[in-house]
């Protein structure tokens, strides 16, 4: 899909979509529970649908009614026979959360996907599976596992992806014995593991967590059943960041549906906006962001990597330089997000420098209408960040590949239109 954006009067109120990260976790837990669960306000994006289809192959049954999903969990009934490859689309969460669970079937299981899914590192599981004498074979277009994961003591690095830790935590209660997962420092994206622990608690799973010297952690899990429950998925700070950035650049924007108390690491966007100089007012279940002169800052992405693209866009409007550290993992997402944003922001007249792990945005210069179409690089967060940049600059721009937003927020452009954005959508 191609979207043409025009100079617009942006402002108003919009609801944050439900958290994709929380939705994945609730769906996995519900699929493992012994009984029927109900997940309300589930974001039915492409990534969530990939997880929904995958847990069905494990034996869970789901039924959708509006924005709610009823899940009949596997419980004590046992896993189903896996008769075909497990398609994970482009969802790293789906793949990494479910590899340990599918290994519990003791069957040969093939995972397939789309885009750059298998370019993303899987080294943590590869090492762990091989150490346990299990098969783990990766090809450019698929990944194959075979053999049942057993209880024991696992040590994983904390600086590759928290999704490996979460995947082991999901499987640990179903193993035949006590399991310990030791995370070695630096422990990045720790807040995402916090979200996993929150979901596990909601479904009756008790995990003993202990901080270790130097910043690591150890999680101890005994065998125990998942219990069904009913829960509502909270609003997504990762996606709210795009709306909040528009409020900082254009006119006041109020974002509703955000929990004041949350494990989401991306909730730091509010503190970062204040540091840039934007006016942020927090109320009961809503946040209002108002424009103000912005100044470049130094920030760390170690615990909030998904904010990287929108922060790069925002930094273009801040006087002086913004330095973004621990950004290297952005190169291993749906696109190389550093290179993609660097290339596309240059079309708008922004100057961005980067090395392997640090991005510097030289802000303050007036952005211009691009002479060539902007490209989303098949990446939902790049697409949304470029839309923010163009609307913030008040310049017309053509954004190709805008349909990438379906991966996490299919209604993104409809929400922009409701906030006053003038845009045209064209298929193809």
Protein backbone atom coordinates (compact mmCIF):
# COMPACT_ATOMS: atom_id res chain seq x y z
CA UNK A 1 0.00 0.00 0.00
CA UNK A 2 1.15 3.54 -0.80
CA UNK A 3 0.05 6.45 1.39
CA UNK A 4 0.34 10.07 0.35
CA UNK A 5 0.54 12.46 3.29
CA UNK A 6 -0.29 16.16 3.02
CA UNK A 7 0.33 19.11 5.37
CA UNK A 8 -2.35 18.78 8.04
CA UNK A 9 -3.71 20.24 11.24
CA UNK A 10 -3.05 17.46 13.72
CA UNK A 11 -4.60 17.30 17.18
CA UNK A 12 -7.27 15.67 19.31
CA UNK A 13 -7.78 12.44 21.21
CA UNK A 14 -7.02 8.86 20.21
CA UNK A 15 -6.97 5.54 22.03
CA UNK A 16 -3.75 3.60 22.25
CA UNK A 17 -4.16 0.17 20.68
CA UNK A 18 -3.83 -2.85 22.97
CA UNK A 19 -0.27 -3.96 23.66
CA UNK A 20 1.00 -6.45 21.10
CA UNK A 21 3.65 -7.65 23.55
CA UNK A 22 1.10 -8.26 26.31
CA UNK A 23 -1.29 -9.85 23.81
CA UNK A 24 1.28 -12.44 22.69
CA UNK A 25 1.99 -13.39 26.29
CA UNK A 26 -1.66 -13.69 27.31
CA UNK A 27 -2.42 -15.83 24.27
CA UNK A 28 0.46 -18.23 24.94
CA UNK A 29 -0.51 -18.62 28.60
CA UNK A 30 -4.19 -19.13 27.77
CA UNK A 31 -3.24 -21.81 25.24
CA UNK A 32 -1.42 -23.75 27.97
CA UNK A 33 -4.13 -23.42 30.64
CA UNK A 34 -6.36 -26.27 31.77
CA UNK A 35 -9.71 -24.72 30.89
CA UNK A 36 -11.25 -21.79 29.06
CA UNK A 37 -9.77 -18.29 29.17
CA UNK A 38 -11.06 -15.03 27.74
CA UNK A 39 -8.68 -12.36 26.46
CA UNK A 40 -10.36 -9.01 25.94
CA UNK A 41 -9.01 -6.09 23.87
CA UNK A 42 -6.65 -8.36 21.97
CA UNK A 43 -4.90 -6.58 19.05
CA UNK A 44 -5.65 -8.76 16.04
CA UNK A 45 -2.58 -7.79 14.03
CA UNK A 46 -0.58 -10.08 11.74
CA UNK A 47 1.83 -10.95 14.54
CA UNK A 48 -0.95 -11.91 16.94
CA UNK A 49 -2.67 -13.97 14.26
CA UNK A 50 0.62 -15.85 13.73
CA UNK A 51 0.72 -16.75 17.42
CA UNK A 52 -2.96 -17.68 17.40
CA UNK A 53 -2.47 -20.07 14.48
CA UNK A 54 0.66 -21.56 16.05
CA UNK A 55 -0.92 -22.37 19.42
CA UNK A 56 -3.78 -24.00 17.53
CA UNK A 57 -1.21 -26.43 16.14
CA UNK A 58 -0.25 -27.26 19.72
CA UNK A 59 -3.89 -28.15 20.38
CA UNK A 60 -5.49 -24.96 21.72
CA UNK A 61 -8.87 -23.93 20.31
CA UNK A 62 -9.77 -20.27 19.85
CA UNK A 63 -12.91 -18.34 18.93
CA UNK A 64 -13.01 -14.62 18.19
CA UNK A 65 -15.90 -12.31 19.06
CA UNK A 66 -15.10 -8.71 18.19
CA UNK A 67 -11.92 -7.71 20.02
CA UNK A 68 -12.11 -10.65 22.43
CA UNK A 69 -10.76 -14.17 22.08
CA UNK A 70 -11.96 -17.25 23.92
CA UNK A 71 -9.21 -19.84 24.30
CA UNK A 72 -9.75 -23.47 25.22
CA UNK A 73 -6.34 -24.40 26.55
CA UNK A 74 -4.38 -27.60 26.16
CA UNK A 75 -4.09 -28.17 29.91
CA UNK A 76 -3.67 -31.79 30.94
CA UNK A 77 -4.99 -33.06 27.63
CA UNK A 78 -1.55 -33.12 26.08
CA UNK A 79 -0.10 -31.55 22.97
CA UNK A 80 -1.48 -32.30 19.54
CA UNK A 81 0.44 -34.05 16.81
CA UNK A 82 2.18 -31.42 14.68
CA UNK A 83 1.38 -32.34 11.09
CA UNK A 84 2.65 -29.32 9.16
CA UNK A 85 5.23 -26.52 9.45
CA UNK A 86 4.52 -23.81 12.02
CA UNK A 87 4.28 -20.53 10.11
CA UNK A 88 5.43 -17.58 12.22
CA UNK A 89 5.09 -14.91 9.52
CA UNK A 90 7.55 -12.14 10.52
CA UNK A 91 6.91 -12.42 14.24
CA UNK A 92 10.06 -12.91 16.28
CA UNK A 93 7.92 -13.20 19.43
CA UNK A 94 5.91 -16.06 17.94
CA UNK A 95 9.00 -17.99 16.93
CA UNK A 96 11.07 -17.48 20.06
CA UNK A 97 8.22 -17.89 22.52
CA UNK A 98 7.09 -21.16 20.96
CA UNK A 99 10.29 -23.03 20.09
CA UNK A 100 10.68 -24.42 23.65
CA UNK A 101 6.96 -25.26 23.85
CA UNK A 102 6.91 -27.17 20.57
CA UNK A 103 10.02 -29.04 21.71
CA UNK A 104 7.86 -30.49 24.51
CA UNK A 105 5.94 -32.48 21.89
CA UNK A 106 9.17 -34.45 21.30
CA UNK A 107 8.31 -34.39 17.60
CA UNK A 108 10.26 -33.09 14.67
CA UNK A 109 8.88 -29.57 14.21
CA UNK A 110 9.65 -27.22 11.33
CA UNK A 111 9.15 -23.47 11.72
CA UNK A 112 8.77 -21.27 8.65
CA UNK A 113 8.30 -17.52 8.28
CA UNK A 114 8.48 -14.47 6.06
CA UNK A 115 10.68 -11.46 5.50
CA UNK A 116 13.83 -11.28 7.61
CA UNK A 117 12.57 -13.59 10.35
CA UNK A 118 15.38 -16.12 10.02
CA UNK A 119 18.01 -13.41 9.69
CA UNK A 120 17.29 -12.59 13.33
CA UNK A 121 19.63 -14.35 15.77
CA UNK A 122 18.64 -17.71 17.24
CA UNK A 123 22.04 -18.49 18.72
CA UNK A 124 20.78 -18.69 22.31
CA UNK A 125 18.44 -21.58 21.53
CA UNK A 126 20.94 -23.20 19.20
CA UNK A 127 23.55 -23.39 21.94
CA UNK A 128 21.04 -24.50 24.58
CA UNK A 129 19.48 -27.22 22.41
CA UNK A 130 22.84 -28.57 21.29
CA UNK A 131 24.09 -28.63 24.88
CA UNK A 132 21.02 -30.71 25.76
CA UNK A 133 21.66 -33.12 22.89
CA UNK A 134 18.62 -31.94 20.93
CA UNK A 135 18.37 -31.14 17.26
CA UNK A 136 18.37 -27.49 16.25
CA UNK A 137 18.96 -26.84 12.54
CA UNK A 138 18.50 -23.47 10.86
CA UNK A 139 18.31 -22.79 7.13
CA UNK A 140 17.68 -19.47 5.38
CA UNK A 141 13.94 -20.16 5.18
CA UNK A 142 13.20 -22.50 8.07
CA UNK A 143 14.23 -23.83 11.43
CA UNK A 144 13.89 -27.43 12.62
CA UNK A 145 13.88 -28.74 16.18
CA UNK A 146 13.53 -32.28 17.48
CA UNK A 147 13.73 -33.72 20.97
CA UNK A 148 12.10 -32.89 24.29
CA UNK A 149 13.52 -30.12 26.44
CA UNK A 150 14.16 -31.35 30.00
CA UNK A 151 14.19 -29.57 33.33
CA UNK A 152 17.55 -28.34 34.51
CA UNK A 153 19.78 -25.33 34.91
CA UNK A 154 20.00 -23.05 31.88
CA UNK A 155 22.29 -20.06 31.46
CA UNK A 156 21.46 -17.50 28.77
CA UNK A 157 23.01 -14.16 27.83
CA UNK A 158 20.90 -11.11 28.60
CA UNK A 159 22.07 -8.97 25.69
CA UNK A 160 20.76 -10.88 22.65
CA UNK A 161 16.97 -10.85 23.09
CA UNK A 162 14.70 -11.14 26.11
CA UNK A 163 12.39 -13.30 23.98
CA UNK A 164 14.62 -16.33 24.60
CA UNK A 165 14.23 -15.86 28.35
CA UNK A 166 10.46 -15.51 28.00
CA UNK A 167 10.26 -18.62 25.84
CA UNK A 168 12.03 -20.68 28.49
CA UNK A 169 9.83 -19.22 31.22
CA UNK A 170 6.69 -20.26 29.34
CA UNK A 171 7.96 -23.83 29.02
CA UNK A 172 9.48 -24.19 32.50
CA UNK A 173 6.24 -24.90 34.44
CA UNK A 174 5.54 -27.84 32.11
CA UNK A 175 8.92 -29.53 32.61
CA UNK A 176 9.25 -32.57 34.86
CA UNK A 177 11.31 -30.99 37.60
CA UNK A 178 12.58 -27.68 38.95
CA UNK A 179 14.17 -25.39 36.36
CA UNK A 180 16.51 -22.47 36.86
CA UNK A 181 17.20 -19.85 34.20
CA UNK A 182 20.25 -17.70 34.89
CA UNK A 183 20.55 -14.52 32.83
CA UNK A 184 24.06 -13.14 32.54
CA UNK A 185 24.62 -9.37 32.35
CA UNK A 186 24.19 -7.05 30.66
CA UNK A 187 20.49 -7.81 30.99
CA UNK A 188 18.81 -5.71 28.29
CA UNK A 189 15.05 -5.43 27.69
CA UNK A 190 14.52 -6.61 31.27
CA UNK A 191 11.08 -4.96 31.29
CA UNK A 192 9.86 -7.42 28.64
CA UNK A 193 10.69 -10.30 30.97
CA UNK A 194 8.72 -8.39 33.60
CA UNK A 195 5.73 -8.47 31.24
CA UNK A 196 6.17 -12.24 30.88
CA UNK A 197 6.23 -12.69 34.67
CA UNK A 198 3.06 -10.57 34.90
CA UNK A 199 1.29 -12.82 32.39
CA UNK A 200 2.47 -15.97 34.13
CA UNK A 201 1.13 -14.69 37.47
CA UNK A 202 -2.25 -13.94 35.89
CA UNK A 203 -2.47 -17.60 34.82
CA UNK A 204 -1.42 -18.98 38.20
CA UNK A 205 2.29 -19.59 37.60
CA UNK A 206 4.68 -18.77 40.43
CA UNK A 207 8.26 -17.84 39.53
CA UNK A 208 10.98 -17.12 42.07
CA UNK A 209 13.06 -14.20 40.77
CA UNK A 210 16.41 -13.21 42.23
CA UNK A 211 18.70 -10.38 41.23
CA UNK A 212 22.35 -11.34 40.81
CA UNK A 213 25.48 -9.24 41.33
CA UNK A 214 26.45 -7.25 38.25
CA UNK A 215 22.92 -6.92 36.90
CA UNK A 216 22.03 -10.51 36.05
CA UNK A 217 19.04 -12.46 37.30
CA UNK A 218 17.98 -16.00 38.18
CA UNK A 219 14.48 -17.41 37.74
CA UNK A 220 13.43 -20.64 39.44
CA UNK A 221 10.28 -22.44 38.31
CA UNK A 222 8.75 -25.63 39.73
CA UNK A 223 6.34 -27.85 37.78
CA UNK A 224 2.81 -26.42 38.02
CA UNK A 225 -0.34 -26.08 35.91
CA UNK A 226 -1.49 -23.00 34.06
CA UNK A 227 -4.92 -21.88 35.32
CA UNK A 228 -7.45 -20.20 33.01
CA UNK A 229 -8.47 -16.61 33.61
CA UNK A 230 -10.16 -13.59 32.04
CA UNK A 231 -8.09 -10.50 31.41
CA UNK A 232 -8.00 -7.37 29.29
CA UNK A 233 -4.87 -6.40 27.37
CA UNK A 234 -3.58 -3.00 28.41
CA UNK A 235 -2.83 -0.14 26.03
CA UNK A 236 0.46 -0.18 24.15
CA UNK A 237 3.05 2.46 25.03
CA UNK A 238 5.13 1.38 22.02
CA UNK A 239 2.37 2.47 19.66
CA UNK A 240 1.24 5.39 21.80
CA UNK A 241 4.73 6.81 21.25
CA UNK A 242 3.84 7.70 17.65
CA UNK A 243 0.76 9.64 18.75
CA UNK A 244 2.65 11.30 21.59
CA UNK A 245 5.40 12.37 19.18
CA UNK A 246 2.79 14.04 16.98
CA UNK A 247 1.55 15.90 20.06
CA UNK A 248 5.07 17.13 20.71
CA UNK A 249 5.48 18.30 17.11
CA UNK A 250 2.07 19.53 15.96
CA UNK A 251 -0.69 20.33 18.44
CA UNK A 252 -1.92 18.76 21.67
CA UNK A 253 -2.71 15.05 21.37
CA UNK A 254 -4.36 13.09 24.15
CA UNK A 255 -3.77 9.35 24.21
CA UNK A 256 -6.24 7.26 26.21
CA UNK A 257 -6.14 3.66 27.39
CA UNK A 258 -2.68 3.71 28.97
CA UNK A 259 -2.14 2.12 32.38
CA UNK A 260 -0.27 4.33 34.82
CA UNK A 261 1.26 1.26 36.48
CA UNK A 262 2.80 -0.96 33.85
CA UNK A 263 5.73 -3.27 33.21
CA UNK A 264 6.11 -1.93 29.67
CA UNK A 265 9.60 -0.55 29.21
CA UNK A 266 8.37 1.69 26.42
CA UNK A 267 6.41 3.71 28.99
CA UNK A 268 9.70 5.60 29.29
CA UNK A 269 8.58 7.53 26.20
CA UNK A 270 6.82 10.01 28.51
CA UNK A 271 10.01 10.74 30.45
CA UNK A 272 11.98 11.03 27.21
CA UNK A 273 9.48 13.49 25.74
CA UNK A 274 9.84 15.62 28.87
CA UNK A 275 13.62 15.50 28.52
CA UNK A 276 13.32 16.68 24.91
CA UNK A 277 11.24 19.59 26.23
CA UNK A 278 7.69 18.59 25.31
CA UNK A 279 4.89 19.26 27.79
CA UNK A 280 3.45 16.01 29.11
CA UNK A 281 0.40 15.85 31.37
CA UNK A 282 -0.64 12.52 32.87
CA UNK A 283 -4.20 11.97 34.02
CA UNK A 284 -6.40 9.02 34.90
CA UNK A 285 -5.93 6.59 32.01
CA UNK A 286 -4.85 9.33 29.60
CA UNK A 287 -1.75 11.32 28.64
CA UNK A 288 -1.72 14.67 26.84
CA UNK A 289 1.39 15.85 25.01
CA UNK A 290 1.74 19.47 23.90
CA UNK A 291 4.31 21.10 21.64
CA UNK A 292 7.22 23.10 23.06
CA UNK A 293 10.73 23.93 21.82
CA UNK A 294 12.70 20.68 21.73
CA UNK A 295 16.37 20.21 22.54
CA UNK A 296 18.55 17.21 21.71
CA UNK A 297 19.35 14.74 24.47
CA UNK A 298 21.40 11.62 25.10
CA UNK A 299 19.42 8.44 25.66
CA UNK A 300 19.83 4.68 26.03
CA UNK A 301 17.75 2.11 24.10
CA UNK A 302 18.88 -0.95 26.07
CA UNK A 303 15.46 -1.43 27.66
CA UNK A 304 13.26 0.14 24.98
CA UNK A 305 14.61 -0.77 21.51
CA UNK A 306 11.20 -0.50 19.80
CA UNK A 307 11.22 3.26 20.44
CA UNK A 308 14.34 3.71 18.32
CA UNK A 309 12.75 4.70 14.97
CA UNK A 310 10.25 7.21 16.37
CA UNK A 311 12.91 8.76 18.59
CA UNK A 312 15.14 9.20 15.55
CA UNK A 313 12.28 10.97 13.78
CA UNK A 314 11.52 13.14 16.80
CA UNK A 315 15.18 14.08 17.24
CA UNK A 316 15.21 15.68 13.79
CA UNK A 317 13.06 18.49 15.24
CA UNK A 318 15.17 19.06 18.37
CA UNK A 319 17.83 21.73 18.44
CA UNK A 320 21.34 20.34 18.64
CA UNK A 321 22.40 16.70 18.60
CA UNK A 322 20.61 13.67 19.99
CA UNK A 323 22.76 10.65 20.78
CA UNK A 324 21.06 7.26 20.96
CA UNK A 325 23.16 4.53 22.57
CA UNK A 326 22.75 0.75 22.65
CA UNK A 327 20.91 0.90 19.33
CA UNK A 328 22.67 -2.05 17.69
CA UNK A 329 19.75 -4.46 17.98
CA UNK A 330 17.74 -2.20 15.69
CA UNK A 331 19.80 -3.66 12.86
CA UNK A 332 18.27 -7.11 13.49
CA UNK A 333 14.57 -6.30 13.30
CA UNK A 334 12.15 -6.48 10.36
CA UNK A 335 14.68 -4.22 8.65
CA UNK A 336 18.00 -2.73 9.61
CA UNK A 337 16.12 0.06 11.31
CA UNK A 338 19.16 2.26 11.73
CA UNK A 339 20.08 2.13 8.05
CA UNK A 340 16.43 2.43 6.99
CA UNK A 341 15.73 5.52 9.09
CA UNK A 342 19.07 7.05 8.15
CA UNK A 343 18.30 6.62 4.45
CA UNK A 344 14.70 7.83 4.59
CA UNK A 345 15.23 10.77 6.94
CA UNK A 346 17.97 11.97 4.58
CA UNK A 347 15.28 12.32 1.90
CA UNK A 348 13.58 14.80 4.23
CA UNK A 349 16.81 16.72 4.69
CA UNK A 350 17.82 15.31 8.10
CA UNK A 351 21.40 14.44 8.98
CA UNK A 352 21.85 11.15 10.83
CA UNK A 353 25.15 9.45 11.60
CA UNK A 354 25.53 5.92 12.95
CA UNK A 355 28.03 3.26 13.83
CA UNK A 356 27.36 -0.29 14.97
CA UNK A 357 25.68 0.66 18.25
CA UNK A 358 25.20 4.44 18.40
CA UNK A 359 23.05 6.86 16.39
CA UNK A 360 23.56 10.62 16.32
CA UNK A 361 20.80 12.83 14.91
CA UNK A 362 21.81 16.38 14.05
CA UNK A 363 18.54 18.18 14.68
CA UNK A 364 17.19 21.65 14.23
CA UNK A 365 17.28 22.00 10.44
CA UNK A 366 13.95 22.55 8.69
CA UNK A 367 12.84 19.38 6.95
CA UNK A 368 11.80 19.54 3.32
CA UNK A 369 9.42 17.67 1.08
CA UNK A 370 11.21 14.59 -0.27
CA UNK A 371 11.88 14.53 -4.00
CA UNK A 372 11.52 10.74 -4.06
CA UNK A 373 9.01 8.49 -2.28
CA UNK A 374 9.81 7.42 1.25
CA UNK A 375 10.16 3.67 1.72
CA UNK A 376 8.93 1.68 4.72
CA UNK A 377 11.52 -1.08 4.17
CA UNK A 378 8.83 -3.68 4.97
CA UNK A 379 8.96 -2.49 8.60
CA UNK A 380 5.91 -1.35 10.57
CA UNK A 381 7.83 0.91 12.95
CA UNK A 382 9.77 2.54 10.14
CA UNK A 383 6.49 3.23 8.28
CA UNK A 384 4.85 4.83 11.32
CA UNK A 385 7.95 6.86 12.21
CA UNK A 386 8.24 8.29 8.70
CA UNK A 387 4.58 9.28 8.77
CA UNK A 388 5.24 11.13 12.04
CA UNK A 389 8.26 12.86 10.51
CA UNK A 390 6.37 14.03 7.41
CA UNK A 391 3.32 15.24 9.36
CA UNK A 392 5.54 16.91 11.94
CA UNK A 393 7.42 18.74 9.21
CA UNK A 394 4.21 19.78 7.48
CA UNK A 395 5.44 18.62 4.08
CA UNK A 396 3.81 16.42 1.46
CA UNK A 397 5.33 12.97 1.16
CA UNK A 398 4.61 9.66 -0.53
CA UNK A 399 5.21 6.59 1.66
CA UNK A 400 5.59 3.31 -0.20
CA UNK A 401 5.12 -0.01 1.58
CA UNK A 402 2.87 1.62 4.18
CA UNK A 403 0.89 -1.61 4.50
CA UNK A 404 3.69 -2.86 6.76
CA UNK A 405 1.71 -1.32 9.64
CA UNK A 406 -0.61 -4.35 9.46
CA UNK A 407 2.06 -6.26 11.36
CA UNK A 408 1.24 -4.48 14.61
CA UNK A 409 -1.38 -1.72 14.10
CA UNK A 410 -3.62 -2.15 11.05
CA UNK A 411 -5.72 0.91 12.00
CA UNK A 412 -2.74 3.29 12.25
CA UNK A 413 -3.59 5.45 9.24
CA UNK A 414 -7.28 5.52 10.17
CA UNK A 415 -6.26 6.87 13.60
CA UNK A 416 -4.07 9.52 11.93
CA UNK A 417 -7.01 10.56 9.77
CA UNK A 418 -9.20 10.87 12.86
CA UNK A 419 -6.57 13.21 14.35
CA UNK A 420 -6.82 15.45 11.29
CA UNK A 421 -4.22 14.00 8.95
CA UNK A 422 -4.94 14.50 5.26
CA UNK A 423 -3.85 11.35 3.49
CA UNK A 424 -4.70 9.14 0.57
CA UNK A 425 -4.25 5.37 0.54
CA UNK A 426 -3.66 3.42 -2.64
CA UNK A 427 -3.33 -0.34 -2.92
CA UNK A 428 -0.30 -1.80 -4.58
